[in-house]
Amino acid sequence: MKKTAKILFILLAFAIILTGCEADISVPGEVGQDIVTADEALKMIEAEEIIVVDAQKSGNFEDQHLDGAVNIARNDITTFGPYPNMLADASKVESSLGDNGISNQSKVLIYDNNNNMDAARLWWTMLVYGHHTDNMKVISGGLNALKDAGADFVSGEYEAEAVEYIAAEKNEDLIATKEEVLAEVNDPGENVEILDVRTAGEVSKGIIPGAIHINYVENNKENGEFYPPSYIQRYYPDNDITPDEEVIMYCQTSIRAAQSYIALHNAGYRGLKLYDGAWIEWSSDSSTPKAVPTGAPVEPSVQDGS
């Protein structure tokens, strides 16, 4: 079935080349609900009550941030044990959100200055702890895109009125453990893929056996904004990641992997998991197998042009 699905995607891509038409690629989930442009974000802020979260480091936030934004940095939602940047427990996330005026019903827009990765990691963290996807979105291109859209930026500290945030039980379906990844390596599933989103230089030193390498920056245009879902729906199948599969993704500490997670989720992919221990955990265990990758991602069959 897996080979059949990939053949169908190849045939579909070839048909697009011949006809020059957009394809209606079937994906399991709603498309385009997780990422908004800076222009869209500013219109949303004007039209309704929304909390804007700046996911920069606190020092960078104090230097400049969107007027009215609160600051939730990476350290506020992660822990440094047993490995760096792993998902924080519910109580820490509850405090980080609640202290910044975010309740379970709050509508939240998130941006960063770091290739969308920290904004995506906060989005994924909130997803794990039950925040509804309708009420949280990442601003594509982050700080620079907001500046280009004419947003007002200020410096200094801020005050937020604290509220109560109650995290749902951690959604383990969105997280892969080392044991789960190892089981997949030892006995590959027919419809499961492991995705390494690190740089070529990093993976040249080792990769989880069988993993497909697609650098997370491939999700971004040159201006730092995300590619639209239509592009992702072609690029990833061209590189053997199809919507019918379960995808387990990782990087060095799975911050960058969260950016690939939201890019795929926004394109309708479901069955996504983040290997939170990531390469740091995998490589530190002498008993886990390592491999050296071959090849490189192919170009999408049809460029989106946007």
Protein backbone atom coordinates (compact mmCIF):
# COMPACT_ATOMS: atom_id res chain seq x y z
CA MET A 1 0.00 0.00 0.00
CA LYS A 2 2.81 2.37 0.82
CA LYS A 3 4.44 1.86 -2.60
CA THR A 4 1.07 2.23 -4.31
CA ALA A 5 0.44 5.56 -2.55
CA LYS A 6 3.83 6.90 -3.57
CA ILE A 7 3.33 5.81 -7.18
CA LEU A 8 0.00 7.63 -7.22
CA PHE A 9 1.67 10.79 -5.93
CA ILE A 10 4.36 10.55 -8.62
CA LEU A 11 1.72 10.08 -11.32
CA LEU A 12 -0.23 13.01 -9.93
CA ALA A 13 2.84 15.24 -9.95
CA PHE A 14 3.55 14.23 -13.55
CA ALA A 15 -0.01 15.10 -14.48
CA ILE A 16 0.45 18.55 -12.97
CA ILE A 17 3.52 19.12 -15.09
CA LEU A 18 1.63 18.17 -18.22
CA THR A 19 -1.48 20.20 -17.47
CA GLY A 20 -0.04 23.11 -15.46
CA CYS A 21 -3.05 22.88 -13.14
CA GLU A 22 -3.26 22.87 -9.36
CA ALA A 23 -3.76 19.43 -7.83
CA ASP A 24 -6.40 18.53 -5.30
CA ILE A 25 -4.17 16.35 -3.14
CA SER A 26 -6.21 14.49 -0.57
CA VAL A 27 -5.01 15.03 2.99
CA PRO A 28 -6.59 13.78 6.21
CA GLY A 29 -6.99 17.07 8.12
CA GLU A 30 -8.09 20.66 7.72
CA VAL A 31 -5.65 22.75 5.71
CA GLY A 32 -4.31 26.23 6.47
CA GLN A 33 -5.66 26.63 9.99
CA ASP A 34 -2.40 26.86 11.95
CA ILE A 35 -0.31 29.55 10.23
CA VAL A 36 -1.30 33.11 9.30
CA THR A 37 0.49 35.89 7.46
CA ALA A 38 1.57 39.05 9.26
CA ASP A 39 -1.14 41.03 7.44
CA GLU A 40 -3.78 38.53 8.51
CA ALA A 41 -2.50 38.62 12.09
CA LEU A 42 -2.71 42.40 12.34
CA LYS A 43 -6.28 42.36 11.03
CA MET A 44 -7.17 39.69 13.60
CA ILE A 45 -5.66 41.76 16.41
CA GLU A 46 -7.77 44.75 15.39
CA ALA A 47 -10.97 42.73 15.05
CA GLU A 48 -11.02 40.57 18.17
CA GLU A 49 -9.51 40.01 21.59
CA ILE A 50 -6.26 38.16 21.02
CA ILE A 51 -3.12 37.65 23.09
CA VAL A 52 0.05 37.99 21.05
CA VAL A 53 2.99 35.96 22.32
CA ASP A 54 6.55 36.87 21.44
CA ALA A 55 8.67 33.70 21.71
CA GLN A 56 12.05 35.44 21.59
CA LYS A 57 14.62 35.17 24.35
CA SER A 58 13.78 37.64 27.13
CA GLY A 59 16.71 39.93 26.30
CA ASN A 60 15.73 40.15 22.65
CA PHE A 61 12.13 40.74 23.67
CA GLU A 62 13.14 43.70 25.81
CA ASP A 63 15.07 45.15 22.87
CA GLN A 64 12.04 45.04 20.60
CA HIS A 65 8.65 43.39 20.50
CA LEU A 66 5.22 43.93 19.03
CA ASP A 67 3.34 46.55 20.99
CA GLY A 68 1.09 44.73 23.48
CA ALA A 69 2.80 41.35 23.21
CA VAL A 70 3.74 39.14 26.15
CA ASN A 71 6.90 37.06 26.26
CA ILE A 72 7.08 33.27 26.58
CA ALA A 73 10.59 32.15 25.75
CA ARG A 74 11.88 28.65 25.07
CA ASN A 75 13.09 28.22 28.63
CA ASP A 76 9.56 28.86 29.90
CA ILE A 77 8.15 25.74 28.23
CA THR A 78 11.09 23.32 28.27
CA THR A 79 13.22 21.51 30.81
CA PHE A 80 16.93 20.68 30.76
CA GLY A 81 16.64 17.16 32.08
CA PRO A 82 17.36 14.47 31.23
CA TYR A 83 18.19 16.10 27.87
CA PRO A 84 18.14 19.75 26.72
CA ASN A 85 14.93 21.45 25.61
CA MET A 86 12.55 18.63 26.45
CA LEU A 87 8.87 19.28 27.06
CA ALA A 88 8.21 20.88 30.46
CA ASP A 89 5.69 19.34 32.83
CA ALA A 90 2.13 20.58 33.00
CA SER A 91 2.64 22.78 36.07
CA LYS A 92 5.44 24.79 34.45
CA VAL A 93 3.45 25.27 31.25
CA GLU A 94 0.37 26.27 33.24
CA SER A 95 2.38 28.93 35.07
CA SER A 96 4.03 30.24 31.91
CA LEU A 97 0.70 30.61 30.14
CA GLY A 98 -1.42 31.76 33.07
CA ASP A 99 1.11 34.33 34.29
CA ASN A 100 0.93 35.91 30.84
CA GLY A 101 -2.83 36.22 30.87
CA ILE A 102 -3.56 33.15 28.76
CA SER A 103 -6.55 31.03 29.77
CA ASN A 104 -7.82 27.84 28.20
CA GLN A 105 -10.24 29.88 26.09
CA SER A 106 -7.74 32.53 24.96
CA LYS A 107 -7.05 33.13 21.30
CA VAL A 108 -3.31 33.31 20.80
CA LEU A 109 -1.02 34.46 18.00
CA ILE A 110 2.66 33.49 18.32
CA TYR A 111 5.76 34.83 16.57
CA ASP A 112 9.53 34.70 16.96
CA ASN A 113 12.73 35.94 15.31
CA ASN A 114 14.15 32.48 14.75
CA ASN A 115 12.91 30.92 11.50
CA ASN A 116 9.50 30.22 13.06
CA MET A 117 10.94 27.43 15.21
CA ASP A 118 10.34 28.81 18.72
CA ALA A 119 6.84 29.97 17.83
CA ALA A 120 6.14 26.50 16.46
CA ARG A 121 7.54 24.85 19.57
CA LEU A 122 5.20 26.88 21.80
CA TRP A 123 2.29 26.03 19.49
CA TRP A 124 3.17 22.31 19.70
CA THR A 125 3.53 22.50 23.49
CA MET A 126 0.08 24.06 23.81
CA LEU A 127 -1.30 21.40 21.47
CA VAL A 128 0.17 18.65 23.66
CA TYR A 129 -1.52 20.16 26.71
CA GLY A 130 -4.91 20.53 25.06
CA HIS A 131 -5.22 24.07 23.69
CA HIS A 132 -7.63 24.00 20.75
CA THR A 133 -6.05 24.55 17.34
CA ASP A 134 -8.80 27.03 16.45
CA ASN A 135 -7.47 29.31 19.20
CA MET A 136 -3.75 29.39 18.41
CA LYS A 137 -1.80 30.28 15.30
CA VAL A 138 1.78 31.05 14.34
CA ILE A 139 2.57 34.25 12.44
CA SER A 140 4.52 33.28 9.34
CA GLY A 141 7.88 35.01 9.09
CA GLY A 142 7.71 36.29 12.64
CA LEU A 143 9.18 39.62 13.71
CA ASN A 144 10.52 40.63 10.29
CA ALA A 145 7.24 39.91 8.55
CA LEU A 146 5.36 41.96 11.14
CA LYS A 147 7.76 44.86 10.61
CA ASP A 148 7.27 44.65 6.86
CA ALA A 149 3.50 44.70 7.45
CA GLY A 150 3.83 47.99 9.35
CA ALA A 151 3.34 46.73 12.91
CA ASP A 152 4.34 48.94 15.83
CA PHE A 153 7.29 47.72 17.89
CA VAL A 154 8.34 48.87 21.34
CA SER A 155 11.09 48.05 23.84
CA GLY A 156 11.22 47.39 27.56
CA GLU A 157 9.31 45.21 29.99
CA TYR A 158 5.57 44.56 30.22
CA GLU A 159 2.86 43.69 32.72
CA ALA A 160 0.22 41.02 32.26
CA GLU A 161 -2.75 40.21 34.45
CA ALA A 162 -2.38 36.59 35.57
CA VAL A 163 -5.23 34.14 35.00
CA GLU A 164 -5.67 30.42 35.57
CA TYR A 165 -4.61 27.97 32.92
CA ILE A 166 -5.42 24.29 33.42
CA ALA A 167 -3.46 21.94 31.20
CA ALA A 168 -5.15 18.85 29.86
CA GLU A 169 -3.50 15.49 30.31
CA LYS A 170 -0.38 15.31 28.17
CA ASN A 171 -1.29 13.96 24.73
CA GLU A 172 1.19 11.13 24.35
CA ASP A 173 -0.06 10.48 20.80
CA LEU A 174 1.90 13.55 19.69
CA ILE A 175 5.18 12.41 21.25
CA ALA A 176 7.54 9.59 20.26
CA THR A 177 9.88 7.96 22.77
CA LYS A 178 13.31 6.49 22.09
CA GLU A 179 11.84 3.03 22.57
CA GLU A 180 9.17 3.70 19.96
CA VAL A 181 11.74 4.98 17.47
CA LEU A 182 14.02 2.02 18.14
CA ALA A 183 11.13 -0.39 17.57
CA GLU A 184 10.46 1.31 14.23
CA VAL A 185 14.14 1.06 13.23
CA ASN A 186 14.27 -2.63 14.12
CA ASP A 187 10.96 -3.47 12.47
CA PRO A 188 9.92 -0.71 10.05
CA GLY A 189 6.20 -0.17 9.71
CA GLU A 190 4.66 -0.11 6.25
CA ASN A 191 3.18 3.36 6.76
CA VAL A 192 5.67 4.99 9.14
CA GLU A 193 8.52 7.34 8.28
CA ILE A 194 11.22 8.90 10.45
CA LEU A 195 12.11 12.47 9.45
CA ASP A 196 15.41 14.16 10.33
CA VAL A 197 15.14 17.95 9.94
CA ARG A 198 18.72 18.93 10.82
CA THR A 199 21.33 20.43 8.48
CA ALA A 200 23.30 18.35 6.00
CA GLY A 201 26.42 18.91 8.07
CA GLU A 202 24.77 17.51 11.17
CA VAL A 203 23.33 14.42 9.52
CA SER A 204 26.64 13.68 7.79
CA LYS A 205 27.94 12.77 11.23
CA GLY A 206 25.10 10.34 11.89
CA ILE A 207 21.41 9.78 11.41
CA ILE A 208 18.79 7.38 12.74
CA PRO A 209 18.79 4.41 10.33
CA GLY A 210 16.07 4.66 7.74
CA ALA A 211 15.33 8.32 8.43
CA ILE A 212 14.58 10.71 5.58
CA HIS A 213 16.48 13.97 5.70
CA ILE A 214 14.64 17.23 4.94
CA ASN A 215 16.17 20.33 6.54
CA TYR A 216 13.47 22.29 8.36
CA VAL A 217 14.42 25.49 6.53
CA GLU A 218 12.98 23.91 3.37
CA ASN A 219 9.59 24.84 4.84
CA ASN A 220 10.48 28.53 4.49
CA LYS A 221 10.64 30.89 1.55
CA GLU A 222 13.72 33.11 1.17
CA ASN A 223 12.01 35.87 3.16
CA GLY A 224 11.56 33.56 6.17
CA GLU A 225 7.84 33.02 5.75
CA PHE A 226 6.39 29.52 5.55
CA TYR A 227 5.59 28.09 2.16
CA PRO A 228 1.83 27.65 1.67
CA PRO A 229 0.17 24.25 2.20
CA SER A 230 -0.02 23.62 -1.57
CA TYR A 231 3.78 23.66 -1.78
CA ILE A 232 4.24 21.43 1.28
CA GLN A 233 1.69 18.98 -0.15
CA ARG A 234 3.93 18.54 -3.18
CA TYR A 235 7.40 18.89 -1.69
CA TYR A 236 7.07 16.24 1.00
CA PRO A 237 5.48 13.50 -1.15
CA ASP A 238 8.26 14.13 -3.68
CA ASN A 239 10.60 13.20 -0.82
CA ASP A 240 8.67 10.11 0.32
CA ILE A 241 6.68 11.73 3.16
CA THR A 242 3.01 11.22 2.23
CA PRO A 243 -0.14 12.24 4.14
CA ASP A 244 -1.27 8.65 4.63
CA GLU A 245 1.78 7.89 6.80
CA GLU A 246 2.70 8.37 10.42
CA VAL A 247 5.68 10.70 10.59
CA ILE A 248 8.12 10.77 13.52
CA MET A 249 10.37 13.82 13.32
CA TYR A 250 13.40 15.02 15.24
CA CYS A 251 16.39 17.35 15.12
CA GLN A 252 19.15 17.92 17.68
CA THR A 253 16.77 18.76 20.53
CA SER A 254 13.47 18.84 18.59
CA ILE A 255 12.97 22.60 18.57
CA ARG A 256 13.47 22.81 14.80
CA ALA A 257 11.41 19.66 14.40
CA ALA A 258 8.42 21.51 15.84
CA GLN A 259 8.65 23.91 12.91
CA SER A 260 8.41 21.01 10.46
CA TYR A 261 5.58 19.60 12.58
CA ILE A 262 3.41 22.71 12.18
CA ALA A 263 4.28 23.06 8.48
CA LEU A 264 2.99 19.54 7.88
CA HIS A 265 0.01 19.92 10.22
CA ASN A 266 -0.95 23.16 8.47
CA ALA A 267 -0.85 21.26 5.16
CA GLY A 268 -3.34 18.71 6.46
CA TYR A 269 -0.95 16.00 7.61
CA ARG A 270 -2.01 14.14 10.72
CA GLY A 271 -0.40 11.18 12.52
CA LEU A 272 2.56 13.40 13.37
CA LYS A 273 4.86 12.77 16.31
CA LEU A 274 7.81 14.67 17.74
CA TYR A 275 10.69 12.58 19.08
CA ASP A 276 11.36 14.88 22.03
CA GLY A 277 14.61 13.29 23.20
CA ALA A 278 15.87 13.75 19.64
CA TRP A 279 19.39 13.16 18.34
CA ILE A 280 20.92 14.22 21.67
CA GLU A 281 19.24 11.30 23.42
CA TRP A 282 19.71 8.86 20.54
CA SER A 283 23.40 9.57 20.00
CA SER A 284 24.23 9.48 23.71
CA ASP A 285 23.06 5.87 23.94
CA SER A 286 25.80 3.56 22.70
CA SER A 287 23.29 0.77 22.13
CA THR A 288 21.18 2.63 19.53
CA PRO A 289 22.10 2.10 15.86
CA LYS A 290 23.42 5.03 13.79
CA ALA A 291 23.82 5.39 10.06
CA VAL A 292 25.37 7.74 7.50
CA PRO A 293 22.80 9.17 5.06
CA THR A 294 22.93 9.04 1.28
CA GLY A 295 21.30 11.33 -1.25
CA ALA A 296 19.52 14.63 -0.73
CA PRO A 297 15.97 15.92 -0.97
CA VAL A 298 14.68 16.35 -4.51
CA GLU A 299 13.08 19.52 -5.76
CA PRO A 300 9.27 19.56 -5.79
CA SER A 301 7.73 18.50 -9.07
CA VAL A 302 5.98 21.84 -9.42
CA GLN A 303 7.16 25.12 -7.89
CA ASP A 304 4.44 27.07 -6.12
CA GLY A 305 5.74 30.42 -7.25
CA SER A 306 4.48 32.30 -4.20
